[in-house]
Amino acid sequence: MSTCKTCQRILSELNGGEGFELQDIKTEPLTEAQLEELREMAGSYEALFSRRSRKYRPMGLHERELSEEDYKKLILEEYTFLKRPVVVIDGEAFAGNSKKAVEGAKSRL
């Protein structure tokens, strides 16, 4: 189980995580195939990308215009660039901890 308190709270709101397959991306990184599948569901790599990562500003990414390939490469290289949690329900991906993402996932249960 994730040590992230926000992810734990969201999981508790989603049937306590019951019936979900959990993947700790710190110890089991996303594969390129998994990321591609998430992109298909979310619509873009940018939709899965977290600008809140501690590495975003130090790497100067806030000063660059990033392409979809940049987002993909960064997420694959550094797990903190993936919005978390990512919840997949019936072929739809809900990424991040925004109220909209959490409510969207809840409505699909």
Protein backbone atom coordinates (compact mmCIF):
# COMPACT_ATOMS: atom_id res chain seq x y z
CA MET A 1 0.00 0.00 0.00
CA SER A 2 1.16 3.50 -0.78
CA THR A 3 2.60 5.62 2.01
CA CYS A 4 1.02 8.70 0.42
CA LYS A 5 -1.70 9.88 2.79
CA THR A 6 -3.65 11.52 -0.04
CA CYS A 7 -3.66 8.29 -2.07
CA GLN A 8 -4.74 6.34 1.02
CA ARG A 9 -7.60 8.80 1.65
CA ILE A 10 -8.79 8.58 -1.95
CA LEU A 11 -8.64 4.78 -1.91
CA SER A 12 -10.72 4.75 1.27
CA GLU A 13 -13.31 6.89 -0.54
CA LEU A 14 -13.33 4.37 -3.41
CA ASN A 15 -14.69 1.29 -1.64
CA GLY A 16 -11.63 1.21 0.59
CA GLY A 17 -9.62 0.06 -2.43
CA GLU A 18 -11.72 -3.12 -2.52
CA GLY A 19 -11.61 -4.72 -5.96
CA PHE A 20 -8.73 -2.58 -7.19
CA GLU A 21 -5.38 -3.85 -8.38
CA LEU A 22 -2.73 -1.66 -6.78
CA GLN A 23 0.69 -0.97 -8.26
CA ASP A 24 3.32 0.87 -6.22
CA ILE A 25 5.17 2.70 -8.98
CA LYS A 26 8.11 3.36 -6.65
CA THR A 27 8.94 -0.34 -6.48
CA GLU A 28 7.24 -1.50 -9.71
CA PRO A 29 7.69 1.28 -12.28
CA LEU A 30 5.21 1.75 -15.09
CA THR A 31 6.14 0.07 -18.32
CA GLU A 32 5.99 1.95 -21.58
CA ALA A 33 3.05 -0.26 -22.61
CA GLN A 34 1.16 0.59 -19.39
CA LEU A 35 1.79 4.30 -19.90
CA GLU A 36 0.62 4.08 -23.51
CA GLU A 37 -2.58 2.37 -22.35
CA LEU A 38 -3.15 5.09 -19.74
CA ARG A 39 -2.57 7.77 -22.39
CA GLU A 40 -5.21 6.17 -24.60
CA MET A 41 -7.70 6.34 -21.71
CA ALA A 42 -6.73 9.81 -20.48
CA GLY A 43 -6.38 11.40 -23.91
CA SER A 44 -2.79 12.61 -23.58
CA TYR A 45 0.44 12.21 -21.66
CA GLU A 46 0.01 15.79 -20.45
CA ALA A 47 -3.23 14.78 -18.69
CA LEU A 48 -1.17 12.26 -16.70
CA PHE A 49 1.73 14.63 -15.99
CA SER A 50 2.19 16.25 -12.59
CA ARG A 51 3.63 19.74 -12.52
CA ARG A 52 3.65 19.43 -8.71
CA SER A 53 6.62 17.05 -8.78
CA ARG A 54 9.51 18.33 -6.71
CA LYS A 55 11.74 17.94 -9.77
CA TYR A 56 9.59 20.05 -12.10
CA ARG A 57 11.06 23.48 -11.26
CA PRO A 58 14.63 22.41 -10.42
CA MET A 59 14.88 20.82 -13.87
CA GLY A 60 13.69 24.10 -15.43
CA LEU A 61 10.67 22.41 -16.97
CA HIS A 62 8.43 25.35 -16.05
CA GLU A 63 10.44 27.44 -18.52
CA ARG A 64 10.05 25.02 -21.43
CA GLU A 65 7.20 24.19 -23.74
CA LEU A 66 6.89 20.43 -23.40
CA SER A 67 5.69 18.11 -26.15
CA GLU A 68 3.72 14.89 -25.70
CA GLU A 69 6.98 12.97 -26.22
CA ASP A 70 8.62 15.07 -23.47
CA TYR A 71 5.79 14.22 -21.06
CA LYS A 72 6.06 10.53 -21.92
CA LYS A 73 9.84 10.45 -21.49
CA LEU A 74 9.72 12.32 -18.18
CA ILE A 75 7.01 10.08 -16.71
CA LEU A 76 8.92 6.95 -17.69
CA GLU A 77 12.19 8.30 -16.25
CA GLU A 78 10.81 9.67 -12.98
CA TYR A 79 7.72 8.26 -11.28
CA THR A 80 7.00 11.55 -9.47
CA PHE A 81 5.97 13.09 -12.80
CA LEU A 82 2.90 10.83 -12.92
CA LYS A 83 -0.21 12.33 -11.33
CA ARG A 84 -1.23 10.07 -8.49
CA PRO A 85 -3.29 8.16 -7.88
CA VAL A 86 -4.33 6.90 -11.28
CA VAL A 87 -7.59 5.00 -11.05
CA VAL A 88 -8.79 2.97 -14.03
CA ILE A 89 -12.44 1.93 -14.09
CA ASP A 90 -14.11 0.36 -17.12
CA GLY A 91 -11.50 1.65 -19.56
CA GLU A 92 -11.48 5.20 -18.22
CA ALA A 93 -8.50 6.72 -16.37
CA PHE A 94 -8.85 9.26 -13.58
CA ALA A 95 -5.48 10.83 -12.76
CA GLY A 96 -4.56 12.90 -9.74
CA ASN A 97 -6.18 13.99 -6.55
CA SER A 98 -8.31 16.85 -7.83
CA LYS A 99 -11.91 16.88 -6.70
CA LYS A 100 -13.00 16.41 -10.32
CA ALA A 101 -10.83 13.27 -10.78
CA VAL A 102 -11.95 11.72 -7.48
CA GLU A 103 -15.63 12.48 -8.10
CA GLY A 104 -15.32 11.10 -11.63
CA ALA A 105 -13.90 7.84 -10.31
CA LYS A 106 -16.58 7.63 -7.60
CA SER A 107 -19.33 8.12 -10.15
CA ARG A 108 -18.04 5.17 -12.18
CA LEU A 109 -18.15 2.70 -9.28
